[in-house]
Each structure stands twice: as structure tokens, then as C-alpha cells.
Amino acid sequence: MIVTMRRQLSGSRDGVEWPAPGGTIDLPDDEAMQLIDLGHAEADGVEPPADAIDRGTKGRKATADPA
């Protein structure tokens, strides 16, 4: 499965550095799904649904309203 990287991973895979965010890589389906589930990559050519969680943000958005 070809995935587009969302985050930079350190190290290498099979002796080759991981692509930079926005770059693509062809991986076995199970490995690709693990990266997608962790938010490190997305399936190439697939737009995330409008209600998808933005994993780029951390925690809740600050508001003046009590939780």
C-alpha cells in the first residue's frame, strides 16, 4: 500500500531513510495500517473524512467555558 507520511520518522527502514512529511512510500499492508492508525501516515490519494480527528493538535482547545 502506498502511504503519504504525515510525520517525520527517525531511523531507516530496510537501510533507507523514512520519507519527509508529504513524501510517499510503498509498504506492506499491515505495516501501512499501523502507521495510519498511529497518525504517522495516510493512505495515498485518500482524503480524510470531514469529521476525522486532527491528530496534529494536542489536547483540547482552550476556551473560557468550564469543562
Protein backbone atom coordinates (compact mmCIF):
# COMPACT_ATOMS: atom_id res chain seq x y z
CA MET A 1 0.00 0.00 0.00
CA ILE A 2 1.35 3.43 -0.86
CA VAL A 3 1.07 5.90 2.03
CA THR A 4 1.84 9.59 2.40
CA MET A 5 3.82 10.44 5.51
CA ARG A 6 2.28 12.95 7.92
CA ARG A 7 5.20 13.00 10.38
CA GLN A 8 8.94 12.53 10.12
CA LEU A 9 10.10 9.18 11.50
CA SER A 10 13.66 8.80 12.72
CA GLY A 11 15.92 5.99 11.61
CA SER A 12 15.58 3.92 8.49
CA ARG A 13 13.55 1.08 7.01
CA ASP A 14 15.50 -1.60 5.14
CA GLY A 15 18.52 0.72 5.13
CA VAL A 16 16.63 3.66 3.58
CA GLU A 17 15.68 6.83 5.49
CA TRP A 18 11.95 7.41 6.00
CA PRO A 19 10.47 9.99 3.61
CA ALA A 20 9.82 13.51 4.88
CA PRO A 21 6.23 14.57 5.65
CA GLY A 22 4.33 14.75 2.36
CA GLY A 23 6.55 12.08 0.80
CA THR A 24 5.24 8.65 -0.15
CA ILE A 25 6.45 5.12 0.48
CA ASP A 26 5.20 1.69 -0.59
CA LEU A 27 4.77 -0.59 2.44
CA PRO A 28 3.22 -3.99 3.18
CA ASP A 29 -0.45 -3.53 4.03
CA ASP A 30 -0.08 -4.45 7.72
CA GLU A 31 2.81 -2.03 8.26
CA ALA A 32 0.98 0.73 6.37
CA MET A 33 -2.13 0.24 8.51
CA GLN A 34 -0.08 0.53 11.71
CA LEU A 35 1.37 3.87 10.56
CA ILE A 36 -2.11 5.08 9.53
CA ASP A 37 -3.63 4.00 12.86
CA LEU A 38 -0.87 5.87 14.74
CA GLY A 39 -1.47 9.02 12.66
CA HIS A 40 2.04 8.91 11.15
CA ALA A 41 0.75 8.37 7.59
CA GLU A 42 -2.40 8.40 5.47
CA ALA A 43 -3.42 6.26 2.53
CA ASP A 44 -2.13 7.90 -0.65
CA GLY A 45 -4.86 9.61 -2.66
CA VAL A 46 -7.48 9.24 0.07
CA GLU A 47 -8.89 12.41 1.59
CA PRO A 48 -9.62 12.10 5.33
CA PRO A 49 -13.31 12.41 6.20
CA ALA A 50 -14.52 15.85 7.28
CA ASP A 51 -15.17 14.61 10.83
CA ALA A 52 -11.76 12.95 11.20
CA ILE A 53 -9.78 13.69 14.34
CA ASP A 54 -6.93 16.10 13.71
CA ARG A 55 -4.07 14.29 15.42
CA GLY A 56 -1.84 17.30 14.79
CA THR A 57 -3.38 19.09 17.76
CA LYS A 58 -2.66 18.16 21.34
CA GLY A 59 -5.39 18.12 23.96
CA ARG A 60 -8.49 20.24 24.00
CA LYS A 61 -8.85 23.70 22.59
CA ALA A 62 -8.67 26.33 25.31
CA THR A 63 -11.96 28.15 25.97
CA ALA A 64 -13.39 30.37 28.67
CA ASP A 65 -16.14 27.80 29.27
CA PRO A 66 -15.68 25.28 32.13
CA ALA A 67 -15.14 21.68 31.04
